[in-house]
Every structure is written in structure tokens, then in C-alpha cells.
Amino acid sequence: MAAQQSYRRLMDKIVERAKSSVTARRIRQNGHGEHPLAGHEVTLHGTAARRHDLSVALSDAQRDTLCEMLENERQAAFHDFLALLEDAIALDDVQILQKGVDIGAAREETLHFDFICRVEDDAWPDQDE
């Protein structure tokens, strides 16, 4: 049971990170995703300037859509990494150990399926009530 609880805590932390896009948060707060340097004017060049110009040219609704797209892609990247990790576990190449205990063996389904369920705010199987 301790391995299962540790696995669930780890997966919940992964989901929390996957749902948090720094760029999306900056766009929502500042209208663009470039790093604000506290109180300093910064001249942007190249790709950074093009991203900035695109973000500020969008309507609020378009910026929200862009933020959703960025968040979805971030979550997709975490999903793809977990699918890759799952394949390595299945080949006995990798284990997920915490203090010597294989918590990867305590997964409910596959890593990426558990991830998708938590991203969608589904409860863990025994917490459905």
C-alpha cells in the first residue's frame, strides 16, 4: 500500500507540473510570453521578438486559445515521455524506485493512462465515491 500511495503522489505531482505552463501564465498576465525583467526595458530580437509581436497582436480570446494550445502541448509532452518510460519498464530496462521500493509496479494501469485520467481530474479507482 505504501508503494501505491507513493506512486499516486508522484503521478499527482507530475500532473500538477504538466498543467502548469510558464509561457501560458506569462501570456495571460502580461499579454506576451517573454520573460519580464523586473522594471527593465528589454529589446527583443529574432524569435523572441516575433513571439512577442504575435502575442500582443492577438485578441484576448485568441490569446486564451493560444494558452490552451500551449498547455495541451505541454501535457502531451509529459504523456509522450510517460509512454516512453512505460515501454522501458515493460522491457525491464527501467524501474521507478523510491527509497528502494519499486513504486512503478504500483501503477493502476499504464503510466500514461494514469496520467491522462488525472489530467482529466478523474479520481483514483478506489476514490470514486
N, C-alpha and C. Protein backbone atom coordinates (compact mmCIF):
# COMPACT_ATOMS: atom_id res chain seq x y z
N MET A 1 0.82 -1.20 0.00
CA MET A 1 0.00 0.00 0.00
C MET A 1 0.87 1.26 0.00
N ALA A 2 1.99 1.23 0.69
CA ALA A 2 2.88 2.39 0.73
C ALA A 2 3.41 2.70 -0.67
N ALA A 3 3.72 1.65 -1.45
CA ALA A 3 4.21 1.87 -2.81
C ALA A 3 3.12 2.52 -3.66
N GLN A 4 1.89 2.08 -3.48
CA GLN A 4 0.79 2.65 -4.26
C GLN A 4 0.58 4.13 -3.90
N GLN A 5 0.63 4.45 -2.63
CA GLN A 5 0.46 5.84 -2.21
C GLN A 5 1.61 6.71 -2.73
N SER A 6 2.81 6.18 -2.68
CA SER A 6 3.97 6.92 -3.20
C SER A 6 3.84 7.14 -4.70
N TYR A 7 3.41 6.10 -5.42
CA TYR A 7 3.20 6.23 -6.86
C TYR A 7 2.15 7.29 -7.16
N ARG A 8 1.04 7.24 -6.44
CA ARG A 8 -0.04 8.20 -6.67
C ARG A 8 0.42 9.63 -6.38
N ARG A 9 1.18 9.81 -5.32
CA ARG A 9 1.70 11.15 -5.01
C ARG A 9 2.62 11.64 -6.14
N LEU A 10 3.48 10.75 -6.63
CA LEU A 10 4.37 11.11 -7.73
C LEU A 10 3.56 11.47 -8.97
N MET A 11 2.57 10.66 -9.32
CA MET A 11 1.76 10.94 -10.51
C MET A 11 1.00 12.26 -10.34
N ASP A 12 0.48 12.51 -9.16
CA ASP A 12 -0.23 13.77 -8.92
C ASP A 12 0.71 14.97 -9.09
N LYS A 13 1.96 14.82 -8.66
CA LYS A 13 2.95 15.89 -8.84
C LYS A 13 3.28 16.09 -10.32
N ILE A 14 3.38 14.99 -11.06
CA ILE A 14 3.66 15.07 -12.50
C ILE A 14 2.52 15.80 -13.19
N VAL A 15 1.29 15.47 -12.83
CA VAL A 15 0.12 16.12 -13.43
C VAL A 15 0.11 17.61 -13.09
N GLU A 16 0.43 17.94 -11.85
CA GLU A 16 0.47 19.35 -11.45
C GLU A 16 1.48 20.11 -12.31
N ARG A 17 2.65 19.53 -12.51
CA ARG A 17 3.68 20.17 -13.35
C ARG A 17 3.22 20.28 -14.79
N ALA A 18 2.58 19.23 -15.29
CA ALA A 18 2.14 19.21 -16.69
C ALA A 18 1.07 20.26 -16.96
N LYS A 19 0.28 20.57 -15.95
CA LYS A 19 -0.79 21.55 -16.12
C LYS A 19 -0.30 22.99 -15.97
N SER A 20 0.95 23.15 -15.60
CA SER A 20 1.49 24.48 -15.34
C SER A 20 2.45 24.91 -16.44
N SER A 21 1.98 25.79 -17.32
CA SER A 21 2.83 26.31 -18.39
C SER A 21 3.26 27.73 -18.04
N VAL A 22 4.55 27.93 -17.87
CA VAL A 22 5.08 29.26 -17.56
C VAL A 22 4.75 30.23 -18.68
N THR A 23 4.91 29.80 -19.91
CA THR A 23 4.64 30.69 -21.05
C THR A 23 3.17 31.08 -21.09
N ALA A 24 2.27 30.12 -20.90
CA ALA A 24 0.83 30.44 -20.90
C ALA A 24 0.49 31.40 -19.77
N ARG A 25 1.09 31.17 -18.60
CA ARG A 25 0.83 32.07 -17.47
C ARG A 25 1.32 33.49 -17.77
N ARG A 26 2.49 33.61 -18.39
CA ARG A 26 3.01 34.94 -18.75
C ARG A 26 2.12 35.62 -19.78
N ILE A 27 1.65 34.87 -20.76
CA ILE A 27 0.76 35.46 -21.77
C ILE A 27 -0.51 35.97 -21.10
N ARG A 28 -1.06 35.19 -20.19
CA ARG A 28 -2.29 35.62 -19.51
C ARG A 28 -2.04 36.86 -18.64
N GLN A 29 -0.88 36.92 -18.01
CA GLN A 29 -0.58 38.04 -17.11
C GLN A 29 -0.09 39.28 -17.84
N ASN A 30 0.74 39.08 -18.86
CA ASN A 30 1.44 40.20 -19.50
C ASN A 30 1.01 40.47 -20.94
N GLY A 31 0.22 39.57 -21.51
CA GLY A 31 -0.16 39.72 -22.91
C GLY A 31 0.87 39.13 -23.87
N HIS A 32 1.99 38.66 -23.32
CA HIS A 32 3.03 38.01 -24.12
C HIS A 32 3.79 37.05 -23.22
N GLY A 33 4.53 36.14 -23.82
CA GLY A 33 5.19 35.09 -23.05
C GLY A 33 6.65 35.32 -22.75
N GLU A 34 7.17 36.44 -23.15
CA GLU A 34 8.60 36.67 -22.94
C GLU A 34 8.87 37.02 -21.48
N HIS A 35 10.02 36.63 -21.00
CA HIS A 35 10.38 36.82 -19.59
C HIS A 35 10.50 38.30 -19.26
N PRO A 36 9.72 38.75 -18.30
CA PRO A 36 9.84 40.16 -17.91
C PRO A 36 11.01 40.33 -16.93
N LEU A 37 11.88 41.25 -17.22
CA LEU A 37 12.97 41.55 -16.30
C LEU A 37 12.52 42.73 -15.45
N ALA A 38 12.37 42.50 -14.20
CA ALA A 38 11.77 43.44 -13.26
C ALA A 38 12.19 44.89 -13.50
N GLY A 39 11.27 45.67 -14.07
CA GLY A 39 11.49 47.09 -14.24
C GLY A 39 12.47 47.50 -15.30
N HIS A 40 12.95 46.57 -16.10
CA HIS A 40 13.94 46.90 -17.13
C HIS A 40 13.33 46.78 -18.52
N GLU A 41 13.64 47.73 -19.34
CA GLU A 41 13.26 47.64 -20.75
C GLU A 41 14.21 46.66 -21.43
N VAL A 42 13.65 45.76 -22.19
CA VAL A 42 14.45 44.75 -22.88
C VAL A 42 14.13 44.82 -24.36
N THR A 43 15.14 44.86 -25.18
CA THR A 43 14.93 44.82 -26.63
C THR A 43 14.97 43.37 -27.06
N LEU A 44 13.88 42.93 -27.65
CA LEU A 44 13.79 41.54 -28.09
C LEU A 44 14.27 41.43 -29.53
N HIS A 45 14.87 40.32 -29.85
CA HIS A 45 15.40 40.09 -31.19
C HIS A 45 14.93 38.72 -31.68
N GLY A 46 14.94 38.55 -32.99
CA GLY A 46 14.70 37.25 -33.60
C GLY A 46 13.39 36.61 -33.19
N THR A 47 13.49 35.35 -32.80
CA THR A 47 12.31 34.55 -32.45
C THR A 47 11.55 35.17 -31.29
N ALA A 48 12.25 35.65 -30.28
CA ALA A 48 11.58 36.26 -29.12
C ALA A 48 10.75 37.47 -29.55
N ALA A 49 11.27 38.28 -30.45
CA ALA A 49 10.53 39.45 -30.93
C ALA A 49 9.30 39.02 -31.73
N ARG A 50 9.44 37.99 -32.54
CA ARG A 50 8.29 37.51 -33.33
C ARG A 50 7.22 36.92 -32.43
N ARG A 51 7.61 36.17 -31.41
CA ARG A 51 6.62 35.61 -30.47
C ARG A 51 5.90 36.73 -29.74
N HIS A 52 6.65 37.73 -29.30
CA HIS A 52 6.07 38.87 -28.60
C HIS A 52 5.08 39.60 -29.50
N ASP A 53 5.50 39.91 -30.71
CA ASP A 53 4.63 40.64 -31.64
C ASP A 53 3.36 39.86 -31.94
N LEU A 54 3.47 38.55 -32.10
CA LEU A 54 2.29 37.72 -32.34
C LEU A 54 1.34 37.78 -31.15
N SER A 55 1.87 37.58 -29.96
CA SER A 55 1.04 37.56 -28.75
C SER A 55 0.28 38.86 -28.53
N VAL A 56 0.97 39.97 -28.67
CA VAL A 56 0.31 41.26 -28.40
C VAL A 56 -0.67 41.64 -29.50
N ALA A 57 -0.53 41.06 -30.69
CA ALA A 57 -1.45 41.36 -31.79
C ALA A 57 -2.77 40.58 -31.68
N LEU A 58 -2.80 39.56 -30.85
CA LEU A 58 -3.99 38.72 -30.73
C LEU A 58 -5.04 39.38 -29.84
N SER A 59 -6.30 39.01 -30.08
CA SER A 59 -7.38 39.44 -29.18
C SER A 59 -7.27 38.63 -27.89
N ASP A 60 -7.99 39.05 -26.86
CA ASP A 60 -7.98 38.30 -25.60
C ASP A 60 -8.43 36.86 -25.81
N ALA A 61 -9.48 36.67 -26.61
CA ALA A 61 -9.98 35.31 -26.87
C ALA A 61 -8.93 34.48 -27.62
N GLN A 62 -8.24 35.09 -28.56
CA GLN A 62 -7.19 34.38 -29.29
C GLN A 62 -6.01 34.04 -28.38
N ARG A 63 -5.66 34.95 -27.48
CA ARG A 63 -4.58 34.67 -26.52
C ARG A 63 -4.98 33.51 -25.60
N ASP A 64 -6.24 33.48 -25.17
CA ASP A 64 -6.71 32.36 -24.34
C ASP A 64 -6.59 31.04 -25.10
N THR A 65 -6.96 31.07 -26.37
CA THR A 65 -6.85 29.86 -27.19
C THR A 65 -5.39 29.45 -27.34
N LEU A 66 -4.51 30.40 -27.57
CA LEU A 66 -3.08 30.11 -27.65
C LEU A 66 -2.59 29.49 -26.35
N CYS A 67 -3.00 30.04 -25.22
CA CYS A 67 -2.60 29.50 -23.91
C CYS A 67 -3.09 28.07 -23.74
N GLU A 68 -4.31 27.80 -24.14
CA GLU A 68 -4.85 26.43 -24.06
C GLU A 68 -4.04 25.49 -24.94
N MET A 69 -3.66 25.96 -26.12
CA MET A 69 -2.85 25.13 -27.01
C MET A 69 -1.48 24.84 -26.40
N LEU A 70 -0.86 25.84 -25.80
CA LEU A 70 0.44 25.65 -25.15
C LEU A 70 0.31 24.65 -23.99
N GLU A 71 -0.74 24.79 -23.20
CA GLU A 71 -0.96 23.87 -22.07
C GLU A 71 -1.21 22.45 -22.57
N ASN A 72 -1.99 22.32 -23.63
CA ASN A 72 -2.25 20.98 -24.20
C ASN A 72 -0.98 20.34 -24.71
N GLU A 73 -0.13 21.11 -25.37
CA GLU A 73 1.13 20.57 -25.88
C GLU A 73 2.06 20.17 -24.74
N ARG A 74 2.08 20.95 -23.68
CA ARG A 74 2.90 20.60 -22.51
C ARG A 74 2.43 19.26 -21.93
N GLN A 75 1.13 19.11 -21.80
CA GLN A 75 0.58 17.87 -21.27
C GLN A 75 0.88 16.71 -22.22
N ALA A 76 0.81 16.96 -23.52
CA ALA A 76 1.12 15.91 -24.50
C ALA A 76 2.58 15.47 -24.38
N ALA A 77 3.47 16.42 -24.12
CA ALA A 77 4.89 16.08 -23.97
C ALA A 77 5.11 15.19 -22.75
N PHE A 78 4.46 15.52 -21.64
CA PHE A 78 4.56 14.67 -20.45
C PHE A 78 3.99 13.28 -20.76
N HIS A 79 2.85 13.24 -21.44
CA HIS A 79 2.24 11.96 -21.81
C HIS A 79 3.21 11.12 -22.64
N ASP A 80 3.81 11.74 -23.65
CA ASP A 80 4.72 11.00 -24.53
C ASP A 80 5.93 10.49 -23.76
N PHE A 81 6.45 11.29 -22.83
CA PHE A 81 7.57 10.83 -22.02
C PHE A 81 7.15 9.63 -21.17
N LEU A 82 5.96 9.70 -20.57
CA LEU A 82 5.49 8.59 -19.73
C LEU A 82 5.26 7.33 -20.56
N ALA A 83 4.79 7.47 -21.81
CA ALA A 83 4.62 6.31 -22.69
C ALA A 83 5.98 5.69 -22.99
N LEU A 84 6.98 6.52 -23.23
CA LEU A 84 8.33 6.03 -23.47
C LEU A 84 8.88 5.31 -22.23
N LEU A 85 8.65 5.91 -21.08
CA LEU A 85 9.09 5.30 -19.82
C LEU A 85 8.38 3.97 -19.59
N GLU A 86 7.10 3.91 -19.91
CA GLU A 86 6.32 2.68 -19.78
C GLU A 86 6.93 1.57 -20.65
N ASP A 87 7.30 1.92 -21.87
CA ASP A 87 7.94 0.93 -22.75
C ASP A 87 9.23 0.42 -22.15
N ALA A 88 10.02 1.30 -21.57
CA ALA A 88 11.29 0.89 -20.95
C ALA A 88 11.04 -0.01 -19.74
N ILE A 89 10.00 0.30 -18.98
CA ILE A 89 9.65 -0.55 -17.83
C ILE A 89 9.23 -1.93 -18.32
N ALA A 90 8.41 -1.98 -19.38
CA ALA A 90 7.94 -3.26 -19.92
C ALA A 90 9.09 -4.13 -20.42
N LEU A 91 10.16 -3.51 -20.88
CA LEU A 91 11.33 -4.25 -21.36
C LEU A 91 12.29 -4.58 -20.22
N ASP A 92 11.89 -4.27 -18.99
CA ASP A 92 12.73 -4.49 -17.81
C ASP A 92 14.03 -3.71 -17.85
N ASP A 93 14.04 -2.59 -18.58
CA ASP A 93 15.22 -1.74 -18.65
C ASP A 93 15.23 -0.69 -17.55
N VAL A 94 14.04 -0.36 -17.00
CA VAL A 94 13.91 0.75 -16.07
C VAL A 94 12.98 0.37 -14.93
N GLN A 95 13.26 0.89 -13.76
CA GLN A 95 12.36 0.81 -12.61
C GLN A 95 12.21 2.21 -12.05
N ILE A 96 11.08 2.46 -11.41
CA ILE A 96 10.89 3.72 -10.69
C ILE A 96 10.97 3.37 -9.21
N LEU A 97 12.09 3.74 -8.61
CA LEU A 97 12.32 3.40 -7.21
C LEU A 97 12.23 4.64 -6.33
N GLN A 98 11.63 4.46 -5.18
CA GLN A 98 11.65 5.50 -4.16
C GLN A 98 12.07 4.83 -2.87
N LYS A 99 13.22 5.24 -2.38
CA LYS A 99 13.81 4.64 -1.18
C LYS A 99 13.89 3.11 -1.31
N GLY A 100 14.27 2.66 -2.51
CA GLY A 100 14.48 1.25 -2.76
C GLY A 100 13.22 0.46 -3.08
N VAL A 101 12.05 1.08 -3.05
CA VAL A 101 10.79 0.40 -3.32
C VAL A 101 10.36 0.73 -4.74
N ASP A 102 10.00 -0.31 -5.49
CA ASP A 102 9.56 -0.14 -6.88
C ASP A 102 8.13 0.39 -6.90
N ILE A 103 8.01 1.71 -6.99
CA ILE A 103 6.67 2.31 -7.00
C ILE A 103 6.05 2.27 -8.39
N GLY A 104 6.86 2.06 -9.42
CA GLY A 104 6.33 1.92 -10.78
C GLY A 104 5.46 0.69 -10.92
N ALA A 105 5.75 -0.34 -10.14
CA ALA A 105 4.95 -1.57 -10.17
C ALA A 105 3.58 -1.36 -9.52
N ALA A 106 3.40 -0.25 -8.83
CA ALA A 106 2.14 0.03 -8.13
C ALA A 106 1.16 0.84 -8.97
N ARG A 107 1.49 1.02 -10.25
CA ARG A 107 0.60 1.82 -11.10
C ARG A 107 -0.75 1.12 -11.27
N GLU A 108 -1.77 1.93 -11.54
CA GLU A 108 -3.12 1.39 -11.70
C GLU A 108 -3.26 0.71 -13.07
N GLU A 109 -2.84 1.40 -14.10
CA GLU A 109 -2.89 0.89 -15.48
C GLU A 109 -1.49 1.07 -16.05
N THR A 110 -1.37 1.92 -17.05
CA THR A 110 -0.06 2.30 -17.55
C THR A 110 0.24 3.70 -17.03
N LEU A 111 1.50 4.09 -17.07
CA LEU A 111 1.86 5.43 -16.61
C LEU A 111 1.09 6.49 -17.37
N HIS A 112 1.05 6.37 -18.69
CA HIS A 112 0.39 7.41 -19.47
C HIS A 112 -1.13 7.37 -19.32
N PHE A 113 -1.72 6.19 -19.10
CA PHE A 113 -3.17 6.13 -18.85
C PHE A 113 -3.50 6.76 -17.50
N ASP A 114 -2.73 6.43 -16.48
CA ASP A 114 -2.94 7.04 -15.16
C ASP A 114 -2.80 8.56 -15.26
N PHE A 115 -1.82 9.01 -16.04
CA PHE A 115 -1.60 10.44 -16.24
C PHE A 115 -2.82 11.09 -16.89
N ILE A 116 -3.30 10.50 -17.98
CA ILE A 116 -4.45 11.07 -18.68
C ILE A 116 -5.66 11.17 -17.75
N CYS A 117 -5.89 10.12 -16.99
CA CYS A 117 -7.04 10.13 -16.06
C CYS A 117 -6.91 11.26 -15.04
N ARG A 118 -5.71 11.46 -14.51
CA ARG A 118 -5.53 12.52 -13.51
C ARG A 118 -5.61 13.90 -14.17
N VAL A 119 -5.09 14.05 -15.37
CA VAL A 119 -5.20 15.33 -16.08
C VAL A 119 -6.67 15.69 -16.28
N GLU A 120 -7.47 14.67 -16.54
CA GLU A 120 -8.92 14.88 -16.73
C GLU A 120 -9.66 14.98 -15.40
N ASP A 121 -8.91 15.04 -14.29
CA ASP A 121 -9.46 15.17 -12.94
C ASP A 121 -10.28 13.97 -12.50
N ASP A 122 -10.02 12.79 -13.07
CA ASP A 122 -10.66 11.58 -12.59
C ASP A 122 -10.04 11.20 -11.25
N ALA A 123 -10.84 10.62 -10.38
CA ALA A 123 -10.35 10.15 -9.09
C ALA A 123 -9.58 8.85 -9.30
N TRP A 124 -8.74 8.52 -8.34
CA TRP A 124 -8.09 7.22 -8.36
C TRP A 124 -9.19 6.18 -8.18
N PRO A 125 -9.00 4.95 -8.72
CA PRO A 125 -10.09 3.95 -8.74
C PRO A 125 -10.82 3.73 -7.40
N ASP A 126 -10.11 3.67 -6.31
CA ASP A 126 -10.79 3.40 -5.04
C ASP A 126 -11.30 4.68 -4.37
N GLN A 127 -11.19 5.81 -5.07
CA GLN A 127 -11.66 7.07 -4.52
C GLN A 127 -12.85 7.62 -5.32
N ASP A 128 -13.54 6.72 -6.05
CA ASP A 128 -14.65 7.13 -6.93
C ASP A 128 -15.87 7.61 -6.16
N GLU A 129 -16.04 7.15 -4.96
CA GLU A 129 -17.25 7.52 -4.23
C GLU A 129 -17.33 8.96 -3.95
